[in-house]
Amino acid sequence: MLELAGQYLFNPRNRFENFSEVERRILGVTHTQQRLSPELLRSVREKFEGFMDPEGGTFCHTDARRSAAPPG
């Protein structure tokens, strides 16, 4: 089993024209069930929109994971 070790920002970059594209490409992926409450979704949208420019927004994100099992 893996647990989250941290989040590290670097390339690859993701470019989004609007939050609807984030919902489709990130939150709507089929390999993971995303369950955001309406309040959390509104908060994510507000944070996202704060980083937008007239052409959209560019974001970098990745997760690092490590084994939760003790070595050996």
N, C-alpha and C. Protein backbone atom coordinates (compact mmCIF):
# COMPACT_ATOMS: atom_id res chain seq x y z
N MET A 1 0.85 -1.17 0.00
CA MET A 1 0.00 0.00 0.00
C MET A 1 0.90 1.23 0.00
N LEU A 2 0.47 2.27 -0.72
CA LEU A 2 1.23 3.51 -0.77
C LEU A 2 0.51 4.60 0.01
N GLU A 3 1.29 5.49 0.62
CA GLU A 3 0.72 6.64 1.29
C GLU A 3 1.36 7.89 0.69
N LEU A 4 0.66 9.01 0.80
CA LEU A 4 1.16 10.26 0.24
C LEU A 4 2.39 10.70 1.01
N ALA A 5 3.50 10.89 0.30
CA ALA A 5 4.75 11.35 0.92
C ALA A 5 4.86 12.85 0.85
N GLY A 6 4.23 13.47 -0.13
CA GLY A 6 4.29 14.91 -0.29
C GLY A 6 3.85 15.31 -1.68
N GLN A 7 3.73 16.59 -1.88
CA GLN A 7 3.40 17.11 -3.19
C GLN A 7 4.55 17.99 -3.63
N TYR A 8 5.00 17.79 -4.85
CA TYR A 8 6.12 18.54 -5.39
C TYR A 8 5.70 19.14 -6.72
N LEU A 9 5.86 20.44 -6.85
CA LEU A 9 5.45 21.13 -8.06
C LEU A 9 6.63 21.25 -9.01
N PHE A 10 6.45 20.81 -10.23
CA PHE A 10 7.43 20.91 -11.29
C PHE A 10 6.71 20.67 -12.61
N ASN A 11 7.42 20.77 -13.72
CA ASN A 11 6.80 20.43 -14.99
C ASN A 11 6.41 18.97 -14.94
N PRO A 12 5.37 18.46 -15.41
CA PRO A 12 4.61 18.88 -16.58
C PRO A 12 3.60 19.97 -16.25
N ARG A 13 3.40 20.83 -17.19
CA ARG A 13 2.43 21.91 -17.04
C ARG A 13 1.09 21.51 -17.66
N ASN A 14 0.05 21.97 -17.03
CA ASN A 14 -1.30 21.78 -17.56
C ASN A 14 -1.91 23.14 -17.81
N ARG A 15 -2.42 23.34 -18.99
CA ARG A 15 -3.05 24.61 -19.36
C ARG A 15 -4.55 24.41 -19.41
N PHE A 16 -5.29 25.29 -18.76
CA PHE A 16 -6.75 25.21 -18.73
C PHE A 16 -7.33 26.54 -19.17
N GLU A 17 -8.33 26.49 -20.01
CA GLU A 17 -9.01 27.71 -20.46
C GLU A 17 -9.99 28.21 -19.41
N ASN A 18 -10.57 27.29 -18.61
CA ASN A 18 -11.56 27.67 -17.61
C ASN A 18 -11.74 26.52 -16.62
N PHE A 19 -12.54 26.75 -15.59
CA PHE A 19 -12.72 25.73 -14.56
C PHE A 19 -13.50 24.52 -15.08
N SER A 20 -14.34 24.71 -16.06
CA SER A 20 -15.06 23.56 -16.65
C SER A 20 -14.08 22.55 -17.22
N GLU A 21 -12.99 23.04 -17.78
CA GLU A 21 -11.97 22.14 -18.32
C GLU A 21 -11.27 21.38 -17.19
N VAL A 22 -11.06 22.03 -16.06
CA VAL A 22 -10.48 21.36 -14.89
C VAL A 22 -11.43 20.25 -14.42
N GLU A 23 -12.70 20.56 -14.34
CA GLU A 23 -13.68 19.56 -13.92
C GLU A 23 -13.67 18.36 -14.85
N ARG A 24 -13.57 18.59 -16.14
CA ARG A 24 -13.58 17.50 -17.11
C ARG A 24 -12.27 16.71 -17.07
N ARG A 25 -11.12 17.41 -17.13
CA ARG A 25 -9.82 16.74 -17.29
C ARG A 25 -9.21 16.23 -15.99
N ILE A 26 -9.51 16.88 -14.88
CA ILE A 26 -8.87 16.50 -13.61
C ILE A 26 -9.88 15.83 -12.67
N LEU A 27 -10.96 16.49 -12.39
CA LEU A 27 -11.94 15.96 -11.44
C LEU A 27 -12.79 14.84 -12.04
N GLY A 28 -12.92 14.81 -13.36
CA GLY A 28 -13.78 13.83 -14.00
C GLY A 28 -13.05 12.60 -14.52
N VAL A 29 -11.81 12.38 -14.07
CA VAL A 29 -11.08 11.20 -14.56
C VAL A 29 -11.81 9.93 -14.16
N THR A 30 -11.65 8.89 -14.96
CA THR A 30 -12.38 7.65 -14.71
C THR A 30 -11.63 6.69 -13.78
N HIS A 31 -10.33 6.92 -13.56
CA HIS A 31 -9.56 5.99 -12.73
C HIS A 31 -9.65 6.29 -11.24
N THR A 32 -10.23 7.44 -10.86
CA THR A 32 -10.34 7.83 -9.46
C THR A 32 -11.70 8.46 -9.23
N GLN A 33 -12.34 8.07 -8.13
CA GLN A 33 -13.62 8.70 -7.79
C GLN A 33 -13.33 9.95 -6.96
N GLN A 34 -13.71 11.10 -7.49
CA GLN A 34 -13.55 12.36 -6.78
C GLN A 34 -14.88 12.67 -6.11
N ARG A 35 -14.85 12.90 -4.81
CA ARG A 35 -16.08 13.23 -4.09
C ARG A 35 -15.87 14.53 -3.35
N LEU A 36 -16.08 15.62 -4.04
CA LEU A 36 -15.94 16.94 -3.45
C LEU A 36 -17.32 17.45 -3.06
N SER A 37 -17.43 17.92 -1.84
CA SER A 37 -18.68 18.52 -1.40
C SER A 37 -18.90 19.80 -2.21
N PRO A 38 -20.12 20.27 -2.28
CA PRO A 38 -20.37 21.53 -2.99
C PRO A 38 -19.51 22.68 -2.43
N GLU A 39 -19.32 22.70 -1.13
CA GLU A 39 -18.52 23.75 -0.50
C GLU A 39 -17.05 23.65 -0.92
N LEU A 40 -16.49 22.43 -0.93
CA LEU A 40 -15.10 22.25 -1.33
C LEU A 40 -14.92 22.56 -2.81
N LEU A 41 -15.85 22.13 -3.64
CA LEU A 41 -15.78 22.42 -5.06
C LEU A 41 -15.80 23.93 -5.30
N ARG A 42 -16.63 24.66 -4.57
CA ARG A 42 -16.69 26.11 -4.69
C ARG A 42 -15.35 26.73 -4.27
N SER A 43 -14.75 26.22 -3.21
CA SER A 43 -13.45 26.71 -2.74
C SER A 43 -12.35 26.46 -3.77
N VAL A 44 -12.35 25.25 -4.36
CA VAL A 44 -11.36 24.91 -5.39
C VAL A 44 -11.53 25.84 -6.59
N ARG A 45 -12.77 26.06 -7.00
CA ARG A 45 -13.05 26.94 -8.13
C ARG A 45 -12.54 28.36 -7.85
N GLU A 46 -12.79 28.86 -6.65
CA GLU A 46 -12.35 30.21 -6.29
C GLU A 46 -10.83 30.32 -6.29
N LYS A 47 -10.14 29.31 -5.74
CA LYS A 47 -8.67 29.31 -5.75
C LYS A 47 -8.15 29.28 -7.18
N PHE A 48 -8.72 28.40 -7.99
CA PHE A 48 -8.33 28.28 -9.40
C PHE A 48 -8.48 29.62 -10.12
N GLU A 49 -9.64 30.23 -9.98
CA GLU A 49 -9.92 31.47 -10.68
C GLU A 49 -8.98 32.59 -10.26
N GLY A 50 -8.42 32.53 -9.05
CA GLY A 50 -7.46 33.52 -8.60
C GLY A 50 -6.14 33.46 -9.34
N PHE A 51 -5.86 32.37 -10.02
CA PHE A 51 -4.61 32.20 -10.77
C PHE A 51 -4.79 32.37 -12.28
N MET A 52 -6.00 32.67 -12.70
CA MET A 52 -6.28 32.79 -14.12
C MET A 52 -5.81 34.13 -14.68
N ASP A 53 -5.41 34.12 -15.95
CA ASP A 53 -5.14 35.34 -16.69
C ASP A 53 -6.10 35.35 -17.89
N PRO A 54 -6.06 36.37 -18.73
CA PRO A 54 -7.04 36.41 -19.84
C PRO A 54 -6.99 35.19 -20.77
N GLU A 55 -5.85 34.51 -20.85
CA GLU A 55 -5.73 33.33 -21.72
C GLU A 55 -6.00 32.02 -21.00
N GLY A 56 -6.29 32.07 -19.72
CA GLY A 56 -6.51 30.85 -18.96
C GLY A 56 -5.52 30.75 -17.82
N GLY A 57 -5.13 29.55 -17.49
CA GLY A 57 -4.18 29.33 -16.40
C GLY A 57 -3.31 28.13 -16.67
N THR A 58 -2.07 28.19 -16.22
CA THR A 58 -1.13 27.08 -16.35
C THR A 58 -0.77 26.61 -14.95
N PHE A 59 -0.86 25.31 -14.72
CA PHE A 59 -0.63 24.74 -13.40
C PHE A 59 0.27 23.52 -13.49
N CYS A 60 1.03 23.29 -12.43
CA CYS A 60 1.88 22.12 -12.32
C CYS A 60 1.51 21.39 -11.05
N HIS A 61 1.42 20.06 -11.11
CA HIS A 61 1.07 19.29 -9.91
C HIS A 61 1.49 17.84 -10.08
N THR A 62 2.01 17.28 -9.02
CA THR A 62 2.26 15.84 -8.99
C THR A 62 2.22 15.38 -7.54
N ASP A 63 1.96 14.13 -7.33
CA ASP A 63 1.99 13.51 -6.00
C ASP A 63 3.17 12.56 -5.91
N ALA A 64 3.81 12.52 -4.76
CA ALA A 64 4.86 11.53 -4.50
C ALA A 64 4.32 10.54 -3.49
N ARG A 65 4.55 9.27 -3.73
CA ARG A 65 4.02 8.25 -2.81
C ARG A 65 5.16 7.34 -2.37
N ARG A 66 5.01 6.80 -1.16
CA ARG A 66 5.99 5.85 -0.63
C ARG A 66 5.24 4.69 -0.02
N SER A 67 5.93 3.61 0.15
CA SER A 67 5.31 2.41 0.71
C SER A 67 4.93 2.66 2.17
N ALA A 68 3.73 2.27 2.56
CA ALA A 68 3.28 2.40 3.93
C ALA A 68 3.78 1.23 4.79
N ALA A 69 4.24 0.17 4.14
CA ALA A 69 4.72 -1.01 4.87
C ALA A 69 6.14 -0.76 5.38
N PRO A 70 6.45 -1.24 6.58
CA PRO A 70 7.82 -1.07 7.10
C PRO A 70 8.82 -1.86 6.23
N PRO A 71 10.07 -1.35 6.11
CA PRO A 71 11.06 -2.06 5.30
C PRO A 71 11.35 -3.45 5.85
N GLY A 72 11.72 -4.33 4.94
CA GLY A 72 12.14 -5.66 5.36
C GLY A 72 11.09 -6.63 5.23
